[in-house]
Amino acid sequence: MTESIILSSILLGTSIFLFFYTAEKLTLGKTKKVALSVYAIFGIGSLVNIFLKAFGI
């Protein structure tokens, strides 16, 4: 269970970094929207996983 929380935290940090990096660097419309959407989905999924594992649900 602890490994899952650690890996989810790493994935969350990576998705936040890539989200802001992509938002700053990319200027193309569709590519930027798709990339930001994917990073947001991974970030939200990681947060949900961390909360579920932390609270034992």
C-alpha atoms as a PDB file:
ATOM      1  CA  MET A   1       0.000   0.000   0.000  1.00  0.00           C
ATOM      2  CA  THR A   2       2.827   2.400   0.817  1.00  0.00           C
ATOM      3  CA  GLU A   3       4.462   1.744  -2.560  1.00  0.00           C
ATOM      4  CA  SER A   4       1.223   2.664  -4.292  1.00  0.00           C
ATOM      5  CA  ILE A   5       1.034   5.984  -2.446  1.00  0.00           C
ATOM      6  CA  ILE A   6       4.669   6.771  -3.226  1.00  0.00           C
ATOM      7  CA  LEU A   7       4.267   5.943  -6.916  1.00  0.00           C
ATOM      8  CA  SER A   8       1.047   7.951  -7.109  1.00  0.00           C
ATOM      9  CA  SER A   9       2.807  10.909  -5.504  1.00  0.00           C
ATOM     10  CA  ILE A  10       5.606  10.688  -8.067  1.00  0.00           C
ATOM     11  CA  LEU A  11       3.075  10.481 -10.892  1.00  0.00           C
ATOM     12  CA  LEU A  12       1.187  13.453  -9.453  1.00  0.00           C
ATOM     13  CA  GLY A  13       4.339  15.556  -9.267  1.00  0.00           C
ATOM     14  CA  THR A  14       5.331  14.605 -12.790  1.00  0.00           C
ATOM     15  CA  SER A  15       1.917  15.411 -14.200  1.00  0.00           C
ATOM     16  CA  ILE A  16       1.891  18.821 -12.464  1.00  0.00           C
ATOM     17  CA  PHE A  17       5.345  19.616 -13.822  1.00  0.00           C
ATOM     18  CA  LEU A  18       4.454  18.515 -17.351  1.00  0.00           C
ATOM     19  CA  PHE A  19       1.142  20.397 -17.185  1.00  0.00           C
ATOM     20  CA  PHE A  20       2.820  23.732 -16.489  1.00  0.00           C
ATOM     21  CA  TYR A  21       5.760  23.021 -18.809  1.00  0.00           C
ATOM     22  CA  THR A  22       3.381  22.214 -21.675  1.00  0.00           C
ATOM     23  CA  ALA A  23       1.197  25.210 -20.923  1.00  0.00           C
ATOM     24  CA  GLU A  24       4.253  27.454 -21.196  1.00  0.00           C
ATOM     25  CA  LYS A  25       6.033  25.885 -24.183  1.00  0.00           C
ATOM     26  CA  LEU A  26       3.382  24.698 -26.636  1.00  0.00           C
ATOM     27  CA  THR A  27       1.493  27.162 -28.759  1.00  0.00           C
ATOM     28  CA  LEU A  28      -0.429  24.760 -31.012  1.00  0.00           C
ATOM     29  CA  GLY A  29      -4.137  24.667 -30.206  1.00  0.00           C
ATOM     30  CA  LYS A  30      -5.243  21.017 -30.375  1.00  0.00           C
ATOM     31  CA  THR A  31      -1.945  19.486 -29.293  1.00  0.00           C
ATOM     32  CA  LYS A  32      -1.777  21.737 -26.260  1.00  0.00           C
ATOM     33  CA  LYS A  33      -5.390  21.039 -25.247  1.00  0.00           C
ATOM     34  CA  VAL A  34      -4.984  17.269 -25.583  1.00  0.00           C
ATOM     35  CA  ALA A  35      -1.698  17.249 -23.646  1.00  0.00           C
ATOM     36  CA  LEU A  36      -3.103  19.392 -20.842  1.00  0.00           C
ATOM     37  CA  SER A  37      -6.206  17.209 -20.648  1.00  0.00           C
ATOM     38  CA  VAL A  38      -4.137  14.024 -20.395  1.00  0.00           C
ATOM     39  CA  TYR A  39      -1.896  15.479 -17.682  1.00  0.00           C
ATOM     40  CA  ALA A  40      -4.928  16.733 -15.752  1.00  0.00           C
ATOM     41  CA  ILE A  41      -6.585  13.303 -15.917  1.00  0.00           C
ATOM     42  CA  PHE A  42      -3.413  11.599 -14.661  1.00  0.00           C
ATOM     43  CA  GLY A  43      -3.090  14.162 -11.862  1.00  0.00           C
ATOM     44  CA  ILE A  44      -6.698  13.755 -10.734  1.00  0.00           C
ATOM     45  CA  GLY A  45      -6.393   9.972 -10.899  1.00  0.00           C
ATOM     46  CA  SER A  46      -3.265  10.082  -8.765  1.00  0.00           C
ATOM     47  CA  LEU A  47      -4.943  12.294  -6.175  1.00  0.00           C
ATOM     48  CA  VAL A  48      -7.940   9.976  -5.987  1.00  0.00           C
ATOM     49  CA  ASN A  49      -5.669   6.961  -5.594  1.00  0.00           C
ATOM     50  CA  ILE A  50      -3.672   8.651  -2.817  1.00  0.00           C
ATOM     51  CA  PHE A  51      -6.825   9.586  -0.887  1.00  0.00           C
ATOM     52  CA  LEU A  52      -8.355   6.130  -1.297  1.00  0.00           C
ATOM     53  CA  LYS A  53      -5.203   4.394  -0.080  1.00  0.00           C
ATOM     54  CA  ALA A  54      -4.589   6.874   2.748  1.00  0.00           C
ATOM     55  CA  PHE A  55      -8.068   6.601   4.184  1.00  0.00           C
ATOM     56  CA  GLY A  56      -8.356   2.860   3.568  1.00  0.00           C
ATOM     57  CA  ILE A  57     -11.465   3.063   1.419  1.00  0.00           C
END
